[in-house]
Amino acid sequence: MATKVPHQITIDGQKYMAKLPDIYAEIKDVVGIAKAPSPDNTVYAGKLRISDGILSGDLVRIICVLANKKQATVICTSAKFASAMGGLLSKKIGGQDVSTTRVPRRMRLG
């Protein structure tokens, strides 16, 4: 499992901080989540729990099936969800090509 590092999530023009796995380097433009800068002087609106963001509808989980038949779960902002489903197909996650994207069938809250 990838180590969790601070990431910057922009929702409705406000920036929030959340700790996420370090897999968003190549897909940051597609999903709207970027790694926080190293000397971080950004003024955040607050910390964001991923489950609270999904519950409020600001974030969406996307499951990516990789070329080696493993799955990776990616968090995406709801504003970029429609373009991210197709945009992730040409990207790599953890060094593996993404072959298929889908939305989880069941919603796990909390």
C-alpha atoms as a PDB file:
ATOM      1  CA  MET A   1       0.000   0.000   0.000  1.00  0.00           C
ATOM      2  CA  ALA A   2       1.231   3.471  -0.842  1.00  0.00           C
ATOM      3  CA  THR A   3       2.105   5.802   2.015  1.00  0.00           C
ATOM      4  CA  LYS A   4      -0.356   8.568   2.798  1.00  0.00           C
ATOM      5  CA  VAL A   5       0.802  12.137   2.217  1.00  0.00           C
ATOM      6  CA  PRO A   6      -1.032  15.490   2.387  1.00  0.00           C
ATOM      7  CA  HIS A   7      -3.033  16.320  -0.735  1.00  0.00           C
ATOM      8  CA  GLN A   8      -4.892  19.447  -1.781  1.00  0.00           C
ATOM      9  CA  ILE A   9      -8.540  19.036  -2.835  1.00  0.00           C
ATOM     10  CA  THR A  10     -10.321  21.975  -4.469  1.00  0.00           C
ATOM     11  CA  ILE A  11     -14.107  22.005  -4.033  1.00  0.00           C
ATOM     12  CA  ASP A  12     -16.124  25.027  -5.190  1.00  0.00           C
ATOM     13  CA  GLY A  13     -13.031  27.236  -5.219  1.00  0.00           C
ATOM     14  CA  GLN A  14     -12.036  26.366  -1.636  1.00  0.00           C
ATOM     15  CA  LYS A  15      -8.953  24.272  -0.880  1.00  0.00           C
ATOM     16  CA  TYR A  16      -9.085  21.457   1.638  1.00  0.00           C
ATOM     17  CA  MET A  17      -6.336  19.185   2.932  1.00  0.00           C
ATOM     18  CA  ALA A  18      -6.613  15.407   3.201  1.00  0.00           C
ATOM     19  CA  LYS A  19      -4.110  12.578   3.592  1.00  0.00           C
ATOM     20  CA  LEU A  20      -4.307  10.224   0.624  1.00  0.00           C
ATOM     21  CA  PRO A  21      -2.073   7.531  -0.879  1.00  0.00           C
ATOM     22  CA  ASP A  22       0.739   8.887  -3.039  1.00  0.00           C
ATOM     23  CA  ILE A  23      -0.755   7.706  -6.377  1.00  0.00           C
ATOM     24  CA  TYR A  24      -2.148  11.005  -7.675  1.00  0.00           C
ATOM     25  CA  ALA A  25       1.037  12.354  -9.343  1.00  0.00           C
ATOM     26  CA  GLU A  26       0.080  11.487 -12.929  1.00  0.00           C
ATOM     27  CA  ILE A  27      -3.705  11.808 -12.592  1.00  0.00           C
ATOM     28  CA  LYS A  28      -3.926  15.064 -10.618  1.00  0.00           C
ATOM     29  CA  ASP A  29      -5.372  17.092 -13.524  1.00  0.00           C
ATOM     30  CA  VAL A  30      -7.977  14.438 -14.318  1.00  0.00           C
ATOM     31  CA  VAL A  31      -9.402  13.976 -10.805  1.00  0.00           C
ATOM     32  CA  GLY A  32      -8.849  17.449  -9.329  1.00  0.00           C
ATOM     33  CA  ILE A  33      -6.631  16.322  -6.451  1.00  0.00           C
ATOM     34  CA  ALA A  34      -2.967  17.334  -6.237  1.00  0.00           C
ATOM     35  CA  LYS A  35      -0.154  16.638  -3.806  1.00  0.00           C
ATOM     36  CA  ALA A  36       0.356  19.499  -1.364  1.00  0.00           C
ATOM     37  CA  PRO A  37       3.512  21.559  -1.996  1.00  0.00           C
ATOM     38  CA  SER A  38       6.464  20.730   0.232  1.00  0.00           C
ATOM     39  CA  PRO A  39       6.844  24.087   2.007  1.00  0.00           C
ATOM     40  CA  ASP A  40       3.077  24.431   2.377  1.00  0.00           C
ATOM     41  CA  ASN A  41       1.973  28.043   2.880  1.00  0.00           C
ATOM     42  CA  THR A  42      -1.521  27.464   1.492  1.00  0.00           C
ATOM     43  CA  VAL A  43      -4.468  28.707   3.532  1.00  0.00           C
ATOM     44  CA  TYR A  44      -6.926  25.807   3.679  1.00  0.00           C
ATOM     45  CA  ALA A  45     -10.636  25.965   4.419  1.00  0.00           C
ATOM     46  CA  GLY A  46     -10.069  22.968   6.694  1.00  0.00           C
ATOM     47  CA  LYS A  47      -9.266  19.271   6.796  1.00  0.00           C
ATOM     48  CA  LEU A  48     -11.562  17.024   4.820  1.00  0.00           C
ATOM     49  CA  ARG A  49     -12.523  13.510   5.813  1.00  0.00           C
ATOM     50  CA  ILE A  50     -13.018  11.489   2.645  1.00  0.00           C
ATOM     51  CA  SER A  51     -16.133   9.735   3.965  1.00  0.00           C
ATOM     52  CA  ASP A  52     -17.724  13.106   4.803  1.00  0.00           C
ATOM     53  CA  GLY A  53     -16.915  14.406   1.318  1.00  0.00           C
ATOM     54  CA  ILE A  54     -18.533  11.375  -0.285  1.00  0.00           C
ATOM     55  CA  LEU A  55     -21.569  11.644   1.987  1.00  0.00           C
ATOM     56  CA  SER A  56     -22.073  15.309   1.048  1.00  0.00           C
ATOM     57  CA  GLY A  57     -21.649  14.542  -2.665  1.00  0.00           C
ATOM     58  CA  ASP A  58     -18.459  16.573  -3.166  1.00  0.00           C
ATOM     59  CA  LEU A  59     -16.253  13.505  -3.748  1.00  0.00           C
ATOM     60  CA  VAL A  60     -16.771  10.265  -5.686  1.00  0.00           C
ATOM     61  CA  ARG A  61     -14.900   6.948  -5.563  1.00  0.00           C
ATOM     62  CA  ILE A  62     -13.785   5.460  -8.900  1.00  0.00           C
ATOM     63  CA  ILE A  63     -12.459   1.920  -9.188  1.00  0.00           C
ATOM     64  CA  CYS A  64      -9.730   1.524 -11.805  1.00  0.00           C
ATOM     65  CA  VAL A  65      -8.936  -1.959 -13.108  1.00  0.00           C
ATOM     66  CA  LEU A  66      -5.243  -2.027 -13.965  1.00  0.00           C
ATOM     67  CA  ALA A  67      -3.388  -3.928 -16.688  1.00  0.00           C
ATOM     68  CA  ASN A  68      -2.226  -6.575 -14.178  1.00  0.00           C
ATOM     69  CA  LYS A  69      -5.913  -7.245 -13.245  1.00  0.00           C
ATOM     70  CA  LYS A  70      -5.609  -5.534  -9.859  1.00  0.00           C
ATOM     71  CA  GLN A  71      -7.901  -2.721  -8.726  1.00  0.00           C
ATOM     72  CA  ALA A  72      -7.047   0.724  -7.453  1.00  0.00           C
ATOM     73  CA  THR A  73      -9.578   3.021  -5.783  1.00  0.00           C
ATOM     74  CA  VAL A  74      -9.235   6.674  -6.744  1.00  0.00           C
ATOM     75  CA  ILE A  75     -11.027   9.652  -5.176  1.00  0.00           C
ATOM     76  CA  CYS A  76     -12.340  12.282  -7.603  1.00  0.00           C
ATOM     77  CA  THR A  77     -14.121  15.602  -7.164  1.00  0.00           C
ATOM     78  CA  SER A  78     -17.726  15.484  -8.347  1.00  0.00           C
ATOM     79  CA  ALA A  79     -17.129  18.425 -10.709  1.00  0.00           C
ATOM     80  CA  LYS A  80     -14.571  16.377 -12.682  1.00  0.00           C
ATOM     81  CA  PHE A  81     -16.299  12.993 -12.387  1.00  0.00           C
ATOM     82  CA  ALA A  82     -17.748  12.818 -15.931  1.00  0.00           C
ATOM     83  CA  SER A  83     -14.458  13.644 -17.627  1.00  0.00           C
ATOM     84  CA  ALA A  84     -12.411  11.514 -15.210  1.00  0.00           C
ATOM     85  CA  MET A  85     -14.158   8.255 -16.129  1.00  0.00           C
ATOM     86  CA  GLY A  86     -12.769   8.466 -19.680  1.00  0.00           C
ATOM     87  CA  GLY A  87      -9.677  10.515 -18.878  1.00  0.00           C
ATOM     88  CA  LEU A  88      -8.229   7.882 -16.539  1.00  0.00           C
ATOM     89  CA  LEU A  89      -8.090   5.277 -19.327  1.00  0.00           C
ATOM     90  CA  SER A  90      -4.969   6.832 -20.874  1.00  0.00           C
ATOM     91  CA  LYS A  91      -3.138   7.240 -17.537  1.00  0.00           C
ATOM     92  CA  LYS A  92      -1.010   5.062 -15.258  1.00  0.00           C
ATOM     93  CA  ILE A  93      -1.549   4.397 -11.559  1.00  0.00           C
ATOM     94  CA  GLY A  94       1.368   2.942  -9.663  1.00  0.00           C
ATOM     95  CA  GLY A  95       3.215   2.226 -12.915  1.00  0.00           C
ATOM     96  CA  GLN A  96       0.345   0.164 -14.373  1.00  0.00           C
ATOM     97  CA  ASP A  97      -1.910   1.181 -17.278  1.00  0.00           C
ATOM     98  CA  VAL A  98      -5.590   1.688 -16.463  1.00  0.00           C
ATOM     99  CA  SER A  99      -7.718  -0.654 -18.582  1.00  0.00           C
ATOM    100  CA  THR A 100     -11.231  -0.006 -17.207  1.00  0.00           C
ATOM    101  CA  THR A 101     -12.949   2.439 -14.850  1.00  0.00           C
ATOM    102  CA  ARG A 102     -16.173   1.890 -12.953  1.00  0.00           C
ATOM    103  CA  VAL A 103     -18.156   3.162  -9.995  1.00  0.00           C
ATOM    104  CA  PRO A 104     -18.586   0.928  -6.918  1.00  0.00           C
ATOM    105  CA  ARG A 105     -21.928  -0.859  -6.915  1.00  0.00           C
ATOM    106  CA  ARG A 106     -22.500  -0.395  -3.205  1.00  0.00           C
ATOM    107  CA  MET A 107     -21.943   2.798  -1.278  1.00  0.00           C
ATOM    108  CA  ARG A 108     -20.030   2.386   1.970  1.00  0.00           C
ATOM    109  CA  LEU A 109     -20.567   5.361   4.239  1.00  0.00           C
ATOM    110  CA  GLY A 110     -18.833   6.147   7.473  1.00  0.00           C
END
